[in-house]
C-alpha atoms as a PDB file:
ATOM      1  CA  MET A   1      30.376  34.475  17.514  1.00  0.00           C
ATOM      2  CA  ASN A   2      32.917  31.687  17.269  1.00  0.00           C
ATOM      3  CA  ALA A   3      32.150  27.980  17.473  1.00  0.00           C
ATOM      4  CA  LYS A   4      33.020  27.820  21.166  1.00  0.00           C
ATOM      5  CA  GLU A   5      30.399  30.424  22.068  1.00  0.00           C
ATOM      6  CA  TYR A   6      27.541  28.550  20.363  1.00  0.00           C
ATOM      7  CA  ASP A   7      25.764  25.657  22.062  1.00  0.00           C
ATOM      8  CA  SER A   8      23.637  23.689  19.597  1.00  0.00           C
ATOM      9  CA  THR A   9      21.564  21.948  22.288  1.00  0.00           C
ATOM     10  CA  ILE A  10      18.491  24.219  22.019  1.00  0.00           C
ATOM     11  CA  ASP A  11      18.448  24.131  18.197  1.00  0.00           C
ATOM     12  CA  THR A  12      18.898  20.353  18.188  1.00  0.00           C
ATOM     13  CA  LEU A  13      16.170  19.787  20.764  1.00  0.00           C
ATOM     14  CA  THR A  14      13.840  22.078  18.817  1.00  0.00           C
ATOM     15  CA  HIS A  15      14.549  20.100  15.646  1.00  0.00           C
ATOM     16  CA  ILE A  16      14.017  16.763  17.420  1.00  0.00           C
ATOM     17  CA  LYS A  17      10.701  18.005  18.810  1.00  0.00           C
ATOM     18  CA  ARG A  18       9.536  19.165  15.368  1.00  0.00           C
ATOM     19  CA  VAL A  19      10.437  15.872  13.690  1.00  0.00           C
ATOM     20  CA  ASN A  20       8.615  14.097  16.525  1.00  0.00           C
ATOM     21  CA  GLU A  21       5.504  16.207  15.889  1.00  0.00           C
ATOM     22  CA  LEU A  22       5.598  15.463  12.152  1.00  0.00           C
ATOM     23  CA  MET A  23       6.065  11.734  12.729  1.00  0.00           C
ATOM     24  CA  VAL A  24       3.152  11.641  15.176  1.00  0.00           C
ATOM     25  CA  GLU A  25       0.941  13.473  12.642  1.00  0.00           C
ATOM     26  CA  PHE A  26       1.958  10.952   9.980  1.00  0.00           C
ATOM     27  CA  ALA A  27       1.258   8.024  12.309  1.00  0.00           C
ATOM     28  CA  GLN A  28      -2.164   9.444  13.194  1.00  0.00           C
ATOM     29  CA  GLU A  29      -3.187   9.492   9.532  1.00  0.00           C
ATOM     30  CA  ILE A  30      -1.901   5.941   9.049  1.00  0.00           C
ATOM     31  CA  LEU A  31      -3.923   4.850  12.099  1.00  0.00           C
ATOM     32  CA  ARG A  32      -7.033   6.576  10.716  1.00  0.00           C
ATOM     33  CA  ARG A  33      -6.575   4.733   7.425  1.00  0.00           C
ATOM     34  CA  ALA A  34      -6.085   1.446   9.271  1.00  0.00           C
ATOM     35  CA  VAL A  35      -9.543   1.820  10.789  1.00  0.00           C
ATOM     36  CA  VAL A  36     -11.324   2.447   7.462  1.00  0.00           C
ATOM     37  CA  HIS A  37      -9.154   0.313   5.124  1.00  0.00           C
ATOM     38  CA  ASP A  38     -11.258  -1.435   2.441  1.00  0.00           C
ATOM     39  CA  GLU A  39     -14.481  -0.789   4.365  1.00  0.00           C
ATOM     40  CA  SER A  40     -16.271  -0.300   1.042  1.00  0.00           C
ATOM     41  CA  LYS A  41     -15.897  -4.064   0.384  1.00  0.00           C
ATOM     42  CA  LEU A  42     -18.493  -4.675   3.078  1.00  0.00           C
ATOM     43  CA  HIS A  43     -21.256  -2.917   1.137  1.00  0.00           C
ATOM     44  CA  SER A  44     -22.962  -3.104  -2.249  1.00  0.00           C
ATOM     45  CA  PRO A  45     -21.911  -2.937  -5.055  1.00  0.00           C
ATOM     46  CA  GLU A  46     -18.616  -4.439  -3.888  1.00  0.00           C
ATOM     47  CA  LYS A  47     -19.666  -7.085  -1.373  1.00  0.00           C
ATOM     48  CA  GLU A  48     -21.530  -9.312  -3.816  1.00  0.00           C
ATOM     49  CA  GLY A  49     -18.538  -9.562  -6.134  1.00  0.00           C
ATOM     50  CA  PHE A  50     -16.055 -10.192  -3.350  1.00  0.00           C
ATOM     51  CA  ASP A  51     -18.349 -12.846  -1.837  1.00  0.00           C
ATOM     52  CA  GLU A  52     -18.249 -14.719  -5.145  1.00  0.00           C
ATOM     53  CA  PHE A  53     -14.653 -14.213  -6.245  1.00  0.00           C
ATOM     54  CA  THR A  54     -12.516 -14.054  -3.092  1.00  0.00           C
ATOM     55  CA  PRO A  55     -12.461 -17.871  -2.661  1.00  0.00           C
ATOM     56  CA  LYS A  56     -11.628 -18.295  -6.354  1.00  0.00           C
ATOM     57  CA  LEU A  57      -8.837 -15.725  -6.222  1.00  0.00           C
ATOM     58  CA  LYS A  58      -7.379 -17.323  -3.092  1.00  0.00           C
ATOM     59  CA  ASN A  59      -6.692 -20.565  -4.927  1.00  0.00           C
ATOM     60  CA  SER A  60      -5.322 -18.993  -8.089  1.00  0.00           C
ATOM     61  CA  GLU A  61      -1.751 -18.014  -8.937  1.00  0.00           C
ATOM     62  CA  TYR A  62      -1.369 -14.264  -8.444  1.00  0.00           C
ATOM     63  CA  GLY A  63      -1.034 -12.549 -11.815  1.00  0.00           C
ATOM     64  CA  SER A  64      -1.894 -15.700 -13.808  1.00  0.00           C
ATOM     65  CA  PRO A  65      -4.403 -15.749 -16.698  1.00  0.00           C
ATOM     66  CA  GLU A  66      -6.876 -17.507 -14.376  1.00  0.00           C
ATOM     67  CA  TYR A  67      -6.392 -14.759 -11.762  1.00  0.00           C
ATOM     68  CA  LYS A  68      -6.938 -12.061 -14.390  1.00  0.00           C
ATOM     69  CA  ALA A  69     -10.122 -13.803 -15.571  1.00  0.00           C
ATOM     70  CA  PHE A  70     -11.478 -13.723 -12.031  1.00  0.00           C
ATOM     71  CA  LEU A  71     -10.683 -10.017 -11.853  1.00  0.00           C
ATOM     72  CA  SER A  72     -12.756  -9.528 -15.004  1.00  0.00           C
ATOM     73  CA  GLY A  73     -15.685 -11.084 -13.150  1.00  0.00           C
ATOM     74  CA  LEU A  74     -15.092  -8.574 -10.359  1.00  0.00           C
ATOM     75  CA  LYS A  75     -15.068  -5.588 -12.740  1.00  0.00           C
ATOM     76  CA  GLU A  76     -18.091  -3.769 -11.291  1.00  0.00           C
ATOM     77  CA  SER A  77     -16.968  -4.306  -7.687  1.00  0.00           C
ATOM     78  CA  LEU A  78     -13.374  -3.319  -8.465  1.00  0.00           C
ATOM     79  CA  THR A  79     -14.335  -0.198 -10.399  1.00  0.00           C
ATOM     80  CA  HIS A  80     -16.312   1.039  -7.399  1.00  0.00           C
ATOM     81  CA  HIS A  81     -13.578  -0.056  -5.000  1.00  0.00           C
ATOM     82  CA  TYR A  82     -10.819   1.778  -6.863  1.00  0.00           C
ATOM     83  CA  GLN A  83     -12.926   4.937  -7.086  1.00  0.00           C
ATOM     84  CA  HIS A  84     -13.383   4.979  -3.298  1.00  0.00           C
ATOM     85  CA  ASN A  85      -9.959   3.806  -2.103  1.00  0.00           C
ATOM     86  CA  SER A  86      -6.957   5.954  -2.955  1.00  0.00           C
ATOM     87  CA  HIS A  87      -4.371   3.337  -1.949  1.00  0.00           C
ATOM     88  CA  HIS A  88      -4.947   1.603  -5.296  1.00  0.00           C
ATOM     89  CA  PRO A  89      -3.001   2.843  -8.343  1.00  0.00           C
ATOM     90  CA  GLU A  90      -6.199   2.488 -10.373  1.00  0.00           C
ATOM     91  CA  HIS A  91      -7.688   5.313  -8.307  1.00  0.00           C
ATOM     92  CA  TYR A  92      -5.514   7.804 -10.182  1.00  0.00           C
ATOM     93  CA  ALA A  93      -5.167   8.614 -13.884  1.00  0.00           C
ATOM     94  CA  LYS A  94      -1.372   8.472 -13.509  1.00  0.00           C
ATOM     95  CA  GLY A  95      -1.361   5.534 -11.093  1.00  0.00           C
ATOM     96  CA  VAL A  96       1.347   5.402  -8.442  1.00  0.00           C
ATOM     97  CA  ASN A  97       2.836   8.669  -9.708  1.00  0.00           C
ATOM     98  CA  GLU A  98      -0.127  10.586  -8.262  1.00  0.00           C
ATOM     99  CA  MET A  99      -0.058   8.875  -4.868  1.00  0.00           C
ATOM    100  CA  ASP A 100       1.159  10.454  -1.667  1.00  0.00           C
ATOM    101  CA  LEU A 101       3.124   8.678   1.060  1.00  0.00           C
ATOM    102  CA  TYR A 102      -0.042   7.672   2.904  1.00  0.00           C
ATOM    103  CA  ASP A 103      -1.412   5.981  -0.211  1.00  0.00           C
ATOM    104  CA  LEU A 104       1.932   4.331  -0.886  1.00  0.00           C
ATOM    105  CA  VAL A 105       2.332   2.907   2.616  1.00  0.00           C
ATOM    106  CA  GLU A 106      -1.246   1.621   2.647  1.00  0.00           C
ATOM    107  CA  MET A 107      -0.806   0.084  -0.826  1.00  0.00           C
ATOM    108  CA  ILE A 108       2.348  -1.779   0.174  1.00  0.00           C
ATOM    109  CA  LEU A 109       0.796  -3.089   3.383  1.00  0.00           C
ATOM    110  CA  ASP A 110      -2.307  -4.064   1.401  1.00  0.00           C
ATOM    111  CA  TRP A 111      -0.123  -6.019  -1.039  1.00  0.00           C
ATOM    112  CA  LYS A 112       1.605  -7.741   1.872  1.00  0.00           C
ATOM    113  CA  ALA A 113      -1.695  -8.764   3.464  1.00  0.00           C
ATOM    114  CA  ALA A 114      -3.236  -9.780   0.115  1.00  0.00           C
ATOM    115  CA  GLY A 115      -0.239 -11.960  -0.641  1.00  0.00           C
ATOM    116  CA  GLU A 116      -0.831 -13.812   2.610  1.00  0.00           C
ATOM    117  CA  ARG A 117      -4.292 -14.811   1.351  1.00  0.00           C
ATOM    118  CA  HIS A 118      -2.874 -16.627  -1.678  1.00  0.00           C
ATOM    119  CA  THR A 119      -1.270 -20.024  -1.396  1.00  0.00           C
ATOM    120  CA  THR A 120       1.597 -18.865  -3.640  1.00  0.00           C
ATOM    121  CA  GLY A 121       1.495 -15.165  -2.726  1.00  0.00           C
ATOM    122  CA  SER A 122       4.113 -12.964  -1.121  1.00  0.00           C
ATOM    123  CA  ILE A 123       5.110  -9.317  -1.060  1.00  0.00           C
ATOM    124  CA  PHE A 124       7.946 -10.190  -3.429  1.00  0.00           C
ATOM    125  CA  LYS A 125       5.526 -11.791  -5.908  1.00  0.00           C
ATOM    126  CA  SER A 126       3.341  -8.685  -5.640  1.00  0.00           C
ATOM    127  CA  LEU A 127       6.326  -6.474  -6.427  1.00  0.00           C
ATOM    128  CA  GLU A 128       7.343  -8.727  -9.323  1.00  0.00           C
ATOM    129  CA  VAL A 129       3.865  -8.585 -10.878  1.00  0.00           C
ATOM    130  CA  ASN A 130       2.858  -5.044  -9.914  1.00  0.00           C
ATOM    131  CA  GLY A 131       6.148  -3.303 -10.612  1.00  0.00           C
ATOM    132  CA  PRO A 132       5.752  -3.589 -14.387  1.00  0.00           C
ATOM    133  CA  ARG A 133       1.939  -3.518 -14.192  1.00  0.00           C
ATOM    134  CA  PHE A 134       1.958  -0.059 -12.600  1.00  0.00           C
ATOM    135  CA  ASN A 135       5.256   1.165 -14.058  1.00  0.00           C
ATOM    136  CA  ILE A 136       6.861   1.415 -10.622  1.00  0.00           C
ATOM    137  CA  GLN A 137      10.478   2.470 -10.890  1.00  0.00           C
ATOM    138  CA  SER A 138      13.229   0.103  -9.749  1.00  0.00           C
ATOM    139  CA  GLN A 139      14.362   2.401  -6.934  1.00  0.00           C
ATOM    140  CA  LEU A 140      10.972   2.204  -5.231  1.00  0.00           C
ATOM    141  CA  ILE A 141      10.800  -1.572  -5.789  1.00  0.00           C
ATOM    142  CA  GLU A 142      14.196  -1.903  -4.095  1.00  0.00           C
ATOM    143  CA  ILE A 143      13.152   0.289  -1.167  1.00  0.00           C
ATOM    144  CA  VAL A 144      10.023  -1.818  -0.578  1.00  0.00           C
ATOM    145  CA  SER A 145      12.040  -5.037  -0.969  1.00  0.00           C
ATOM    146  CA  ASN A 146      14.581  -3.771   1.545  1.00  0.00           C
ATOM    147  CA  HIS A 147      11.787  -3.043   4.015  1.00  0.00           C
ATOM    148  CA  ALA A 148      10.204  -6.463   3.447  1.00  0.00           C
ATOM    149  CA  LYS A 149      13.541  -8.173   4.093  1.00  0.00           C
ATOM    150  CA  ARG A 150      14.119  -6.061   7.194  1.00  0.00           C
ATOM    151  CA  GLU A 151      10.709  -7.128   8.515  1.00  0.00           C
ATOM    152  CA  GLY A 152      11.340 -10.783   7.658  1.00  0.00           C
ATOM    153  CA  TRP A 153       8.368 -10.877   5.281  1.00  0.00           C
ATOM    154  CA  GLN A 154       7.966 -13.806   2.934  1.00  0.00           C
END
């Protein structure tokens, strides 16, 4: 069969349909995670700690010694939280390296939203602090930064 006898339309449409199916499946999982994100913070043993320390954390510089001291006060709540929420690097023995794309997307969006709760926070500050903290490679940092810029995030 020569190139003139072959019409790629059917193969291309089949491919487009399959990519569509995969993207919809991915979106469905992201939507499921959106519904249950951080729900464990609403119950003991997490709620008590977050009730006490969230206002303190809000007014502290992200990543500062003061911020880290507040996290120490949240140790019990955070330990439980990390165990039950896979979008945190602390959930895994190897941190980000054990995450899947769902975890990664939820983590980045979590960092974006958390940065909005701090007077000096931003996704870029989160990347600056958490990149080295979690040994995130520069390529991934750049990809997330590119996305943040594309979205107009501060």
